[in-house]
C-alpha cells in the first residue's frame, strides 16, 4: 500500500537529515493514477495539480509505477529513441575491425 511520497520539494528545506523518511514524506492527499492511464491523461493530471511525480497504483493502492513530468518531456523531445519492450533505452557500442583494436 502506498503510504507516502518523498520528492525534492519535501527535502529542499529539510535541515534535519537524521529525521525519519516517514516524518518528511507527504502522506495526505497524494495524487495517484490507475494502471492504463495514457501519457496525455497523466500530463493533464500533473499540470492540473502542479506536481512532477505521479504514482501509478492498482485497485489495492499498491504502487505499480511512477510517471514523471520529465518522462513525458523526454518522450516529446526524442520520440524515436530506441527502447526495449519495457520502455528502457537500448545501448549499443562498436569496435574497430583492425588488428590494433584489442591493444
PDB file of N, CA and C in Angstrom:
ATOM      1  N   UNK A   1       0.828  -1.180   0.000  1.00  0.00           N
ATOM      2  CA  UNK A   1       0.000   0.000   0.000  1.00  0.00           C
ATOM      3  C   UNK A   1       0.876   1.250   0.000  1.00  0.00           C
ATOM      4  N   UNK A   2       0.526   2.196  -0.817  1.00  0.00           N
ATOM      5  CA  UNK A   2       1.257   3.455  -0.893  1.00  0.00           C
ATOM      6  C   UNK A   2       1.001   4.260   0.372  1.00  0.00           C
ATOM      7  N   UNK A   3       2.062   4.532   1.116  1.00  0.00           N
ATOM      8  CA  UNK A   3       1.949   5.269   2.383  1.00  0.00           C
ATOM      9  C   UNK A   3       2.282   6.739   2.241  1.00  0.00           C
ATOM     10  N   UNK A   4       3.100   7.060   1.254  1.00  0.00           N
ATOM     11  CA  UNK A   4       3.502   8.447   1.074  1.00  0.00           C
ATOM     12  C   UNK A   4       4.477   8.563  -0.064  1.00  0.00           C
ATOM     13  N   UNK A   5       4.940   9.788  -0.306  1.00  0.00           N
ATOM     14  CA  UNK A   5       5.902  10.050  -1.367  1.00  0.00           C
ATOM     15  C   UNK A   5       6.869  11.127  -0.887  1.00  0.00           C
ATOM     16  N   UNK A   6       8.143  10.944  -1.206  1.00  0.00           N
ATOM     17  CA  UNK A   6       9.164  11.931  -0.881  1.00  0.00           C
ATOM     18  C   UNK A   6       9.688  12.497  -2.197  1.00  0.00           C
ATOM     19  N   UNK A   7       9.637  13.788  -2.343  1.00  0.00           N
ATOM     20  CA  UNK A   7      10.137  14.449  -3.540  1.00  0.00           C
ATOM     21  C   UNK A   7      11.148  15.517  -3.138  1.00  0.00           C
ATOM     22  N   UNK A   8      11.761  16.110  -4.129  1.00  0.00           N
ATOM     23  CA  UNK A   8      12.690  17.216  -3.872  1.00  0.00           C
ATOM     24  C   UNK A   8      12.026  18.316  -3.067  1.00  0.00           C
ATOM     25  N   UNK A   9      10.776  18.536  -3.344  1.00  0.00           N
ATOM     26  CA  UNK A   9      10.028  19.578  -2.626  1.00  0.00           C
ATOM     27  C   UNK A   9       9.996  19.283  -1.128  1.00  0.00           C
ATOM     28  N   UNK A  10       9.876  18.013  -0.763  1.00  0.00           N
ATOM     29  CA  UNK A  10       9.873  17.630   0.656  1.00  0.00           C
ATOM     30  C   UNK A  10      11.239  17.819   1.296  1.00  0.00           C
ATOM     31  N   UNK A  11      12.294  17.624   0.506  1.00  0.00           N
ATOM     32  CA  UNK A  11      13.654  17.645   1.054  1.00  0.00           C
ATOM     33  C   UNK A  11      14.363  18.989   0.919  1.00  0.00           C
ATOM     34  N   UNK A  12      13.886  19.828   0.046  1.00  0.00           N
ATOM     35  CA  UNK A  12      14.593  21.066  -0.290  1.00  0.00           C
ATOM     36  C   UNK A  12      14.954  21.906   0.926  1.00  0.00           C
ATOM     37  N   UNK A  13      14.051  22.078   1.856  1.00  0.00           N
ATOM     38  CA  UNK A  13      14.306  22.945   3.009  1.00  0.00           C
ATOM     39  C   UNK A  13      14.471  22.149   4.300  1.00  0.00           C
ATOM     40  N   UNK A  14      14.657  20.854   4.153  1.00  0.00           N
ATOM     41  CA  UNK A  14      14.839  19.986   5.315  1.00  0.00           C
ATOM     42  C   UNK A  14      16.231  20.211   5.909  1.00  0.00           C
ATOM     43  N   UNK A  15      16.285  20.561   7.169  1.00  0.00           N
ATOM     44  CA  UNK A  15      17.577  20.810   7.812  1.00  0.00           C
ATOM     45  C   UNK A  15      18.049  19.614   8.614  1.00  0.00           C
ATOM     46  N   UNK A  16      17.122  18.847   9.152  1.00  0.00           N
ATOM     47  CA  UNK A  16      17.470  17.700   9.990  1.00  0.00           C
ATOM     48  C   UNK A  16      17.536  16.437   9.130  1.00  0.00           C
ATOM     49  N   UNK A  17      18.740  16.086   8.686  1.00  0.00           N
ATOM     50  CA  UNK A  17      18.901  14.918   7.827  1.00  0.00           C
ATOM     51  C   UNK A  17      18.848  13.602   8.610  1.00  0.00           C
ATOM     52  N   UNK A  18      18.710  13.678   9.904  1.00  0.00           N
ATOM     53  CA  UNK A  18      18.558  12.481  10.739  1.00  0.00           C
ATOM     54  C   UNK A  18      17.076  12.113  10.909  1.00  0.00           C
ATOM     55  N   UNK A  19      16.205  12.974  10.460  1.00  0.00           N
ATOM     56  CA  UNK A  19      14.773  12.749  10.607  1.00  0.00           C
ATOM     57  C   UNK A  19      14.329  11.567   9.742  1.00  0.00           C
ATOM     58  N   UNK A  20      13.426  10.769  10.259  1.00  0.00           N
ATOM     59  CA  UNK A  20      12.929   9.599   9.538  1.00  0.00           C
ATOM     60  C   UNK A  20      12.158  10.019   8.285  1.00  0.00           C
ATOM     61  N   UNK A  21      12.253   9.207   7.247  1.00  0.00           N
ATOM     62  CA  UNK A  21      11.537   9.472   5.999  1.00  0.00           C
ATOM     63  C   UNK A  21      10.041   9.590   6.260  1.00  0.00           C
ATOM     64  N   UNK A  22       9.530   8.769   7.147  1.00  0.00           N
ATOM     65  CA  UNK A  22       8.095   8.793   7.448  1.00  0.00           C
ATOM     66  C   UNK A  22       7.632  10.137   8.006  1.00  0.00           C
ATOM     67  N   UNK A  23       8.553  10.908   8.576  1.00  0.00           N
ATOM     68  CA  UNK A  23       8.207  12.221   9.116  1.00  0.00           C
ATOM     69  C   UNK A  23       8.321  13.322   8.058  1.00  0.00           C
ATOM     70  N   UNK A  24       9.059  13.050   6.995  1.00  0.00           N
ATOM     71  CA  UNK A  24       9.309  14.049   5.959  1.00  0.00           C
ATOM     72  C   UNK A  24       8.335  13.895   4.791  1.00  0.00           C
ATOM     73  N   UNK A  25       7.959  12.671   4.488  1.00  0.00           N
ATOM     74  CA  UNK A  25       7.178  12.408   3.276  1.00  0.00           C
ATOM     75  C   UNK A  25       5.772  13.002   3.333  1.00  0.00           C
ATOM     76  N   UNK A  26       5.252  13.274   2.152  1.00  0.00           N
ATOM     77  CA  UNK A  26       3.869  13.698   2.016  1.00  0.00           C
ATOM     78  C   UNK A  26       2.998  12.458   2.190  1.00  0.00           C
ATOM     79  N   UNK A  27       2.061  12.512   3.132  1.00  0.00           N
ATOM     80  CA  UNK A  27       1.232  11.339   3.440  1.00  0.00           C
ATOM     81  C   UNK A  27      -0.230  11.531   3.065  1.00  0.00           C
ATOM     82  N   UNK A  28      -0.669  12.761   3.012  1.00  0.00           N
ATOM     83  CA  UNK A  28      -2.086  13.029   2.769  1.00  0.00           C
ATOM     84  C   UNK A  28      -2.297  13.660   1.404  1.00  0.00           C
ATOM     85  N   UNK A  29      -3.454  13.401   0.852  1.00  0.00           N
ATOM     86  CA  UNK A  29      -3.865  13.978  -0.435  1.00  0.00           C
ATOM     87  C   UNK A  29      -2.841  13.701  -1.538  1.00  0.00           C
ATOM     88  N   UNK A  30      -2.327  12.471  -1.570  1.00  0.00           N
ATOM     89  CA  UNK A  30      -1.385  12.083  -2.619  1.00  0.00           C
ATOM     90  C   UNK A  30      -2.173  11.857  -3.907  1.00  0.00           C
ATOM     91  N   UNK A  31      -1.767  12.541  -4.950  1.00  0.00           N
ATOM     92  CA  UNK A  31      -2.421  12.396  -6.252  1.00  0.00           C
ATOM     93  C   UNK A  31      -1.833  11.160  -6.920  1.00  0.00           C
ATOM     94  N   UNK A  32      -2.697  10.224  -7.314  1.00  0.00           N
ATOM     95  CA  UNK A  32      -2.266   8.989  -7.974  1.00  0.00           C
ATOM     96  C   UNK A  32      -3.102   8.772  -9.232  1.00  0.00           C
ATOM     97  N   UNK A  33      -2.705   7.765  -9.998  1.00  0.00           N
ATOM     98  CA  UNK A  33      -3.493   7.343 -11.149  1.00  0.00           C
ATOM     99  C   UNK A  33      -3.507   5.822 -11.183  1.00  0.00           C
ATOM    100  N   UNK A  34      -4.409   5.280 -11.957  1.00  0.00           N
ATOM    101  CA  UNK A  34      -4.562   3.837 -12.067  1.00  0.00           C
ATOM    102  C   UNK A  34      -3.761   3.299 -13.253  1.00  0.00           C
ATOM    103  N   UNK A  35      -3.533   2.002 -13.238  1.00  0.00           N
ATOM    104  CA  UNK A  35      -2.887   1.325 -14.367  1.00  0.00           C
ATOM    105  C   UNK A  35      -3.710   1.588 -15.627  1.00  0.00           C
ATOM    106  N   UNK A  36      -3.022   1.840 -16.731  1.00  0.00           N
ATOM    107  CA  UNK A  36      -3.709   2.063 -18.000  1.00  0.00           C
ATOM    108  C   UNK A  36      -3.863   3.522 -18.367  1.00  0.00           C
ATOM    109  N   UNK A  37      -3.476   4.422 -17.476  1.00  0.00           N
ATOM    110  CA  UNK A  37      -3.562   5.847 -17.796  1.00  0.00           C
ATOM    111  C   UNK A  37      -2.569   6.174 -18.904  1.00  0.00           C
ATOM    112  N   UNK A  38      -3.037   6.812 -19.975  1.00  0.00           N
ATOM    113  CA  UNK A  38      -2.107   7.165 -21.049  1.00  0.00           C
ATOM    114  C   UNK A  38      -1.321   8.411 -20.659  1.00  0.00           C
ATOM    115  N   UNK A  39      -0.255   8.677 -21.410  1.00  0.00           N
ATOM    116  CA  UNK A  39       0.633   9.778 -21.051  1.00  0.00           C
ATOM    117  C   UNK A  39      -0.032  11.143 -21.194  1.00  0.00           C
ATOM    118  N   UNK A  40      -0.966  11.294 -22.102  1.00  0.00           N
ATOM    119  CA  UNK A  40      -1.682  12.567 -22.248  1.00  0.00           C
ATOM    120  C   UNK A  40      -2.501  12.839 -21.001  1.00  0.00           C
ATOM    121  N   UNK A  41      -3.221  11.828 -20.531  1.00  0.00           N
ATOM    122  CA  UNK A  41      -4.020  11.983 -19.308  1.00  0.00           C
ATOM    123  C   UNK A  41      -3.093  12.238 -18.116  1.00  0.00           C
ATOM    124  N   UNK A  42      -1.968  11.515 -18.039  1.00  0.00           N
ATOM    125  CA  UNK A  42      -1.008  11.714 -16.954  1.00  0.00           C
ATOM    126  C   UNK A  42      -0.482  13.148 -16.970  1.00  0.00           C
ATOM    127  N   UNK A  43      -0.166  13.651 -18.158  1.00  0.00           N
ATOM    128  CA  UNK A  43       0.326  15.031 -18.274  1.00  0.00           C
ATOM    129  C   UNK A  43      -0.727  16.017 -17.784  1.00  0.00           C
ATOM    130  N   UNK A  44      -1.971  15.783 -18.123  1.00  0.00           N
ATOM    131  CA  UNK A  44      -3.061  16.653 -17.671  1.00  0.00           C
ATOM    132  C   UNK A  44      -3.155  16.648 -16.139  1.00  0.00           C
ATOM    133  N   UNK A  45      -3.046  15.466 -15.530  1.00  0.00           N
ATOM    134  CA  UNK A  45      -3.112  15.352 -14.071  1.00  0.00           C
ATOM    135  C   UNK A  45      -1.947  16.097 -13.427  1.00  0.00           C
ATOM    136  N   UNK A  46      -0.738  15.897 -13.960  1.00  0.00           N
ATOM    137  CA  UNK A  46       0.448  16.564 -13.419  1.00  0.00           C
ATOM    138  C   UNK A  46       0.298  18.081 -13.496  1.00  0.00           C
ATOM    139  N   UNK A  47      -0.170  18.592 -14.624  1.00  0.00           N
ATOM    140  CA  UNK A  47      -0.335  20.035 -14.783  1.00  0.00           C
ATOM    141  C   UNK A  47      -1.440  20.579 -13.894  1.00  0.00           C
ATOM    142  N   UNK A  48      -2.546  19.861 -13.816  1.00  0.00           N
ATOM    143  CA  UNK A  48      -3.683  20.312 -13.016  1.00  0.00           C
ATOM    144  C   UNK A  48      -3.310  20.465 -11.549  1.00  0.00           C
ATOM    145  N   UNK A  49      -2.506  19.544 -11.039  1.00  0.00           N
ATOM    146  CA  UNK A  49      -2.147  19.551  -9.617  1.00  0.00           C
ATOM    147  C   UNK A  49      -0.782  20.178  -9.341  1.00  0.00           C
ATOM    148  N   UNK A  50      -0.108  20.648 -10.404  1.00  0.00           N
ATOM    149  CA  UNK A  50       1.201  21.295 -10.291  1.00  0.00           C
ATOM    150  C   UNK A  50       2.202  20.415  -9.547  1.00  0.00           C
ATOM    151  N   UNK A  51       2.270  19.151  -9.988  1.00  0.00           N
ATOM    152  CA  UNK A  51       3.199  18.183  -9.411  1.00  0.00           C
ATOM    153  C   UNK A  51       4.080  17.623 -10.517  1.00  0.00           C
ATOM    154  N   UNK A  52       5.183  16.997 -10.136  1.00  0.00           N
ATOM    155  CA  UNK A  52       6.118  16.443 -11.119  1.00  0.00           C
ATOM    156  C   UNK A  52       6.163  14.926 -11.105  1.00  0.00           C
ATOM    157  N   UNK A  53       5.613  14.295 -10.070  1.00  0.00           N
ATOM    158  CA  UNK A  53       5.638  12.834  -9.934  1.00  0.00           C
ATOM    159  C   UNK A  53       4.207  12.331  -9.753  1.00  0.00           C
ATOM    160  N   UNK A  54       3.870  11.274 -10.496  1.00  0.00           N
ATOM    161  CA  UNK A  54       2.524  10.708 -10.427  1.00  0.00           C
ATOM    162  C   UNK A  54       2.621   9.209 -10.176  1.00  0.00           C
ATOM    163  N   UNK A  55       2.403   8.781  -8.926  1.00  0.00           N
ATOM    164  CA  UNK A  55       2.431   7.351  -8.639  1.00  0.00           C
ATOM    165  C   UNK A  55       1.287   6.620  -9.360  1.00  0.00           C
ATOM    166  N   UNK A  56       1.603   5.447  -9.897  1.00  0.00           N
ATOM    167  CA  UNK A  56       0.608   4.587 -10.532  1.00  0.00           C
ATOM    168  C   UNK A  56       0.315   3.456  -9.554  1.00  0.00           C
ATOM    169  N   UNK A  57      -0.955   3.296  -9.197  1.00  0.00           N
ATOM    170  CA  UNK A  57      -1.341   2.284  -8.209  1.00  0.00           C
ATOM    171  C   UNK A  57      -2.393   1.345  -8.787  1.00  0.00           C
ATOM    172  N   UNK A  58      -2.485   0.156  -8.179  1.00  0.00           N
ATOM    173  CA  UNK A  58      -3.541  -0.777  -8.582  1.00  0.00           C
ATOM    174  C   UNK A  58      -4.770  -0.542  -7.709  1.00  0.00           C
ATOM    175  N   UNK A  59      -5.759  -1.419  -7.817  1.00  0.00           N
ATOM    176  CA  UNK A  59      -7.009  -1.251  -7.077  1.00  0.00           C
ATOM    177  C   UNK A  59      -6.827  -1.359  -5.561  1.00  0.00           C
ATOM    178  N   UNK A  60      -5.730  -1.995  -5.123  1.00  0.00           N
ATOM    179  CA  UNK A  60      -5.430  -2.125  -3.695  1.00  0.00           C
ATOM    180  C   UNK A  60      -4.540  -0.993  -3.198  1.00  0.00           C
ATOM    181  N   UNK A  61      -4.315   0.005  -4.039  1.00  0.00           N
ATOM    182  CA  UNK A  61      -3.436   1.131  -3.729  1.00  0.00           C
ATOM    183  C   UNK A  61      -1.978   0.705  -3.589  1.00  0.00           C
ATOM    184  N   UNK A  62      -1.623  -0.416  -4.241  1.00  0.00           N
ATOM    185  CA  UNK A  62      -0.240  -0.888  -4.270  1.00  0.00           C
ATOM    186  C   UNK A  62       0.493  -0.152  -5.382  1.00  0.00           C
ATOM    187  N   UNK A  63       1.690   0.347  -5.059  1.00  0.00           N
ATOM    188  CA  UNK A  63       2.464   1.088  -6.042  1.00  0.00           C
ATOM    189  C   UNK A  63       2.925   0.165  -7.164  1.00  0.00           C
ATOM    190  N   UNK A  64       2.604   0.529  -8.389  1.00  0.00           N
ATOM    191  CA  UNK A  64       2.961  -0.254  -9.574  1.00  0.00           C
ATOM    192  C   UNK A  64       4.045   0.449 -10.384  1.00  0.00           C
ATOM    193  N   UNK A  65       4.030   1.773 -10.379  1.00  0.00           N
ATOM    194  CA  UNK A  65       4.997   2.535 -11.155  1.00  0.00           C
ATOM    195  C   UNK A  65       4.933   4.005 -10.823  1.00  0.00           C
ATOM    196  N   UNK A  66       5.712   4.778 -11.555  1.00  0.00           N
ATOM    197  CA  UNK A  66       5.774   6.217 -11.330  1.00  0.00           C
ATOM    198  C   UNK A  66       5.964   6.904 -12.683  1.00  0.00           C
ATOM    199  N   UNK A  67       5.094   7.851 -12.979  1.00  0.00           N
ATOM    200  CA  UNK A  67       5.222   8.654 -14.190  1.00  0.00           C
ATOM    201  C   UNK A  67       5.724  10.021 -13.751  1.00  0.00           C
ATOM    202  N   UNK A  68       6.790  10.484 -14.388  1.00  0.00           N
ATOM    203  CA  UNK A  68       7.314  11.801 -14.049  1.00  0.00           C
ATOM    204  C   UNK A  68       7.103  12.755 -15.220  1.00  0.00           C
ATOM    205  N   UNK A  69       7.045  14.023 -14.909  1.00  0.00           N
ATOM    206  CA  UNK A  69       6.899  15.017 -15.960  1.00  0.00           C
ATOM    207  C   UNK A  69       8.107  14.968 -16.884  1.00  0.00           C
ATOM    208  N   UNK A  70       9.252  14.655 -16.300  1.00  0.00           N
ATOM    209  CA  UNK A  70      10.473  14.545 -17.106  1.00  0.00           C
ATOM    210  C   UNK A  70      10.359  13.403 -18.127  1.00  0.00           C
ATOM    211  N   UNK A  71       9.726  12.288 -17.742  1.00  0.00           N
ATOM    212  CA  UNK A  71       9.490  11.184 -18.686  1.00  0.00           C
ATOM    213  C   UNK A  71       8.732  11.685 -19.911  1.00  0.00           C
ATOM    214  N   UNK A  72       7.708  12.470 -19.659  1.00  0.00           N
ATOM    215  CA  UNK A  72       6.858  12.971 -20.737  1.00  0.00           C
ATOM    216  C   UNK A  72       7.641  13.931 -21.625  1.00  0.00           C
ATOM    217  N   UNK A  73       8.429  14.806 -21.015  1.00  0.00           N
ATOM    218  CA  UNK A  73       9.244  15.754 -21.787  1.00  0.00           C
ATOM    219  C   UNK A  73      10.239  15.005 -22.663  1.00  0.00           C
ATOM    220  N   UNK A  74      10.918  14.000 -22.096  1.00  0.00           N
ATOM    221  CA  UNK A  74      11.896  13.231 -22.867  1.00  0.00           C
ATOM    222  C   UNK A  74      11.235  12.524 -24.044  1.00  0.00           C
ATOM    223  N   UNK A  75      10.055  11.999 -23.818  1.00  0.00           N
ATOM    224  CA  UNK A  75       9.343  11.312 -24.895  1.00  0.00           C
ATOM    225  C   UNK A  75       8.997  12.278 -26.023  1.00  0.00           C
ATOM    226  N   UNK A  76       8.634  13.500 -25.669  1.00  0.00           N
ATOM    227  CA  UNK A  76       8.317  14.503 -26.686  1.00  0.00           C
ATOM    228  C   UNK A  76       9.573  14.958 -27.422  1.00  0.00           C
ATOM    229  N   UNK A  77      10.677  15.123 -26.682  1.00  0.00           N
ATOM    230  CA  UNK A  77      11.920  15.589 -27.292  1.00  0.00           C
ATOM    231  C   UNK A  77      12.569  14.526 -28.167  1.00  0.00           C
ATOM    232  N   UNK A  78      12.458  13.265 -27.786  1.00  0.00           N
ATOM    233  CA  UNK A  78      13.100  12.161 -28.506  1.00  0.00           C
ATOM    234  C   UNK A  78      12.090  11.038 -28.772  1.00  0.00           C
ATOM    235  N   UNK A  79      11.100  11.296 -29.625  1.00  0.00           N
ATOM    236  CA  UNK A  79      10.065  10.284 -29.865  1.00  0.00           C
ATOM    237  C   UNK A  79      10.583   9.027 -30.558  1.00  0.00           C
ATOM    238  N   UNK A  80      11.730   9.126 -31.222  1.00  0.00           N
ATOM    239  CA  UNK A  80      12.263   7.981 -31.959  1.00  0.00           C
ATOM    240  C   UNK A  80      13.388   7.263 -31.211  1.00  0.00           C
ATOM    241  N   UNK A  81      13.539   7.537 -29.922  1.00  0.00           N
ATOM    242  CA  UNK A  81      14.580   6.860 -29.142  1.00  0.00           C
ATOM    243  C   UNK A  81      14.346   5.352 -29.185  1.00  0.00           C
ATOM    244  N   UNK A  82      15.415   4.599 -29.289  1.00  0.00           N
ATOM    245  CA  UNK A  82      15.323   3.141 -29.379  1.00  0.00           C
ATOM    246  C   UNK A  82      15.167   2.552 -27.975  1.00  0.00           C
ATOM    247  N   UNK A  83      14.017   1.929 -27.729  1.00  0.00           N
ATOM    248  CA  UNK A  83      13.716   1.375 -26.402  1.00  0.00           C
ATOM    249  C   UNK A  83      13.308  -0.080 -26.520  1.00  0.00           C
ATOM    250  N   UNK A  84      13.494  -0.818 -25.415  1.00  0.00           N
ATOM    251  CA  UNK A  84      13.075  -2.218 -25.391  1.00  0.00           C
ATOM    252  C   UNK A  84      11.596  -2.315 -25.044  1.00  0.00           C
ATOM    253  N   UNK A  85      11.090  -3.538 -24.884  1.00  0.00           N
ATOM    254  CA  UNK A  85       9.663  -3.749 -24.633  1.00  0.00           C
ATOM    255  C   UNK A  85       9.196  -3.190 -23.290  1.00  0.00           C
ATOM    256  N   UNK A  86      10.138  -2.843 -22.401  1.00  0.00           N
ATOM    257  CA  UNK A  86       9.800  -2.268 -21.100  1.00  0.00           C
ATOM    258  C   UNK A  86       9.964  -0.749 -21.078  1.00  0.00           C
ATOM    259  N   UNK A  87      10.304  -0.149 -22.220  1.00  0.00           N
ATOM    260  CA  UNK A  87      10.471   1.284 -22.307  1.00  0.00           C
ATOM    261  C   UNK A  87      11.837   1.781 -21.889  1.00  0.00           C
ATOM    262  N   UNK A  88      12.772   0.855 -21.684  1.00  0.00           N
ATOM    263  CA  UNK A  88      14.127   1.246 -21.293  1.00  0.00           C
ATOM    264  C   UNK A  88      14.948   1.537 -22.539  1.00  0.00           C
ATOM    265  N   UNK A  89      15.830   2.547 -22.430  1.00  0.00           N
ATOM    266  CA  UNK A  89      16.689   2.871 -23.567  1.00  0.00           C
ATOM    267  C   UNK A  89      17.628   1.722 -23.870  1.00  0.00           C
ATOM    268  N   UNK A  90      17.797   1.444 -25.147  1.00  0.00           N
ATOM    269  CA  UNK A  90      18.774   0.438 -25.569  1.00  0.00           C
ATOM    270  C   UNK A  90      20.136   1.109 -25.704  1.00  0.00           C
ATOM    271  N   UNK A  91      21.174   0.333 -25.480  1.00  0.00           N
ATOM    272  CA  UNK A  91      22.537   0.849 -25.576  1.00  0.00           C
ATOM    273  C   UNK A  91      23.300  -0.018 -26.561  1.00  0.00           C
ATOM    274  N   UNK A  92      24.138   0.619 -27.345  1.00  0.00           N
ATOM    275  CA  UNK A  92      24.946  -0.129 -28.318  1.00  0.00           C
ATOM    276  C   UNK A  92      26.359   0.421 -28.311  1.00  0.00           C
ATOM    277  N   UNK A  93      27.300  -0.395 -28.726  1.00  0.00           N
ATOM    278  CA  UNK A  93      28.693   0.028 -28.837  1.00  0.00           C
ATOM    279  C   UNK A  93      29.297  -0.670 -30.042  1.00  0.00           C
ATOM    280  N   UNK A  94      30.376  -0.112 -30.522  1.00  0.00           N
ATOM    281  CA  UNK A  94      31.064  -0.711 -31.670  1.00  0.00           C
ATOM    282  C   UNK A  94      32.555  -0.620 -31.458  1.00  0.00           C
ATOM    283  N   UNK A  95      33.253  -1.545 -32.031  1.00  0.00           N
ATOM    284  CA  UNK A  95      34.718  -1.523 -32.010  1.00  0.00           C
ATOM    285  C   UNK A  95      35.213  -1.592 -33.442  1.00  0.00           C
ATOM    286  N   UNK A  96      36.444  -1.187 -33.628  1.00  0.00           N
ATOM    287  CA  UNK A  96      37.018  -1.234 -34.963  1.00  0.00           C
ATOM    288  C   UNK A  96      37.263  -2.659 -35.417  1.00  0.00           C
ATOM    289  N   UNK A  97      37.685  -2.797 -36.661  1.00  0.00           N
ATOM    290  CA  UNK A  97      37.920  -4.122 -37.234  1.00  0.00           C
ATOM    291  C   UNK A  97      39.401  -4.395 -37.517  1.00  0.00           C
ATOM    292  N   UNK A  98      40.257  -3.462 -37.136  1.00  0.00           N
ATOM    293  CA  UNK A  98      41.687  -3.667 -37.405  1.00  0.00           C
ATOM    294  C   UNK A  98      42.353  -4.431 -36.262  1.00  0.00           C
ATOM    295  N   UNK A  99      43.533  -4.917 -36.501  1.00  0.00           N
ATOM    296  CA  UNK A  99      44.245  -5.756 -35.542  1.00  0.00           C
ATOM    297  C   UNK A  99      44.580  -5.037 -34.225  1.00  0.00           C
ATOM    298  N   UNK A 100      44.712  -3.725 -34.238  1.00  0.00           N
ATOM    299  CA  UNK A 100      45.095  -2.991 -33.021  1.00  0.00           C
ATOM    300  C   UNK A 100      43.925  -2.689 -32.086  1.00  0.00           C
ATOM    301  N   UNK A 101      42.751  -3.174 -32.376  1.00  0.00           N
ATOM    302  CA  UNK A 101      41.568  -2.903 -31.553  1.00  0.00           C
ATOM    303  C   UNK A 101      41.748  -3.387 -30.117  1.00  0.00           C
ATOM    304  N   UNK A 102      42.350  -4.527 -29.925  1.00  0.00           N
ATOM    305  CA  UNK A 102      42.470  -5.125 -28.596  1.00  0.00           C
ATOM    306  C   UNK A 102      43.699  -4.668 -27.832  1.00  0.00           C
ATOM    307  N   UNK A 103      44.498  -3.759 -28.375  1.00  0.00           N
ATOM    308  CA  UNK A 103      45.710  -3.266 -27.701  1.00  0.00           C
ATOM    309  C   UNK A 103      45.412  -2.341 -26.570  1.00  0.00           C
TER     310      UNK A 103
END
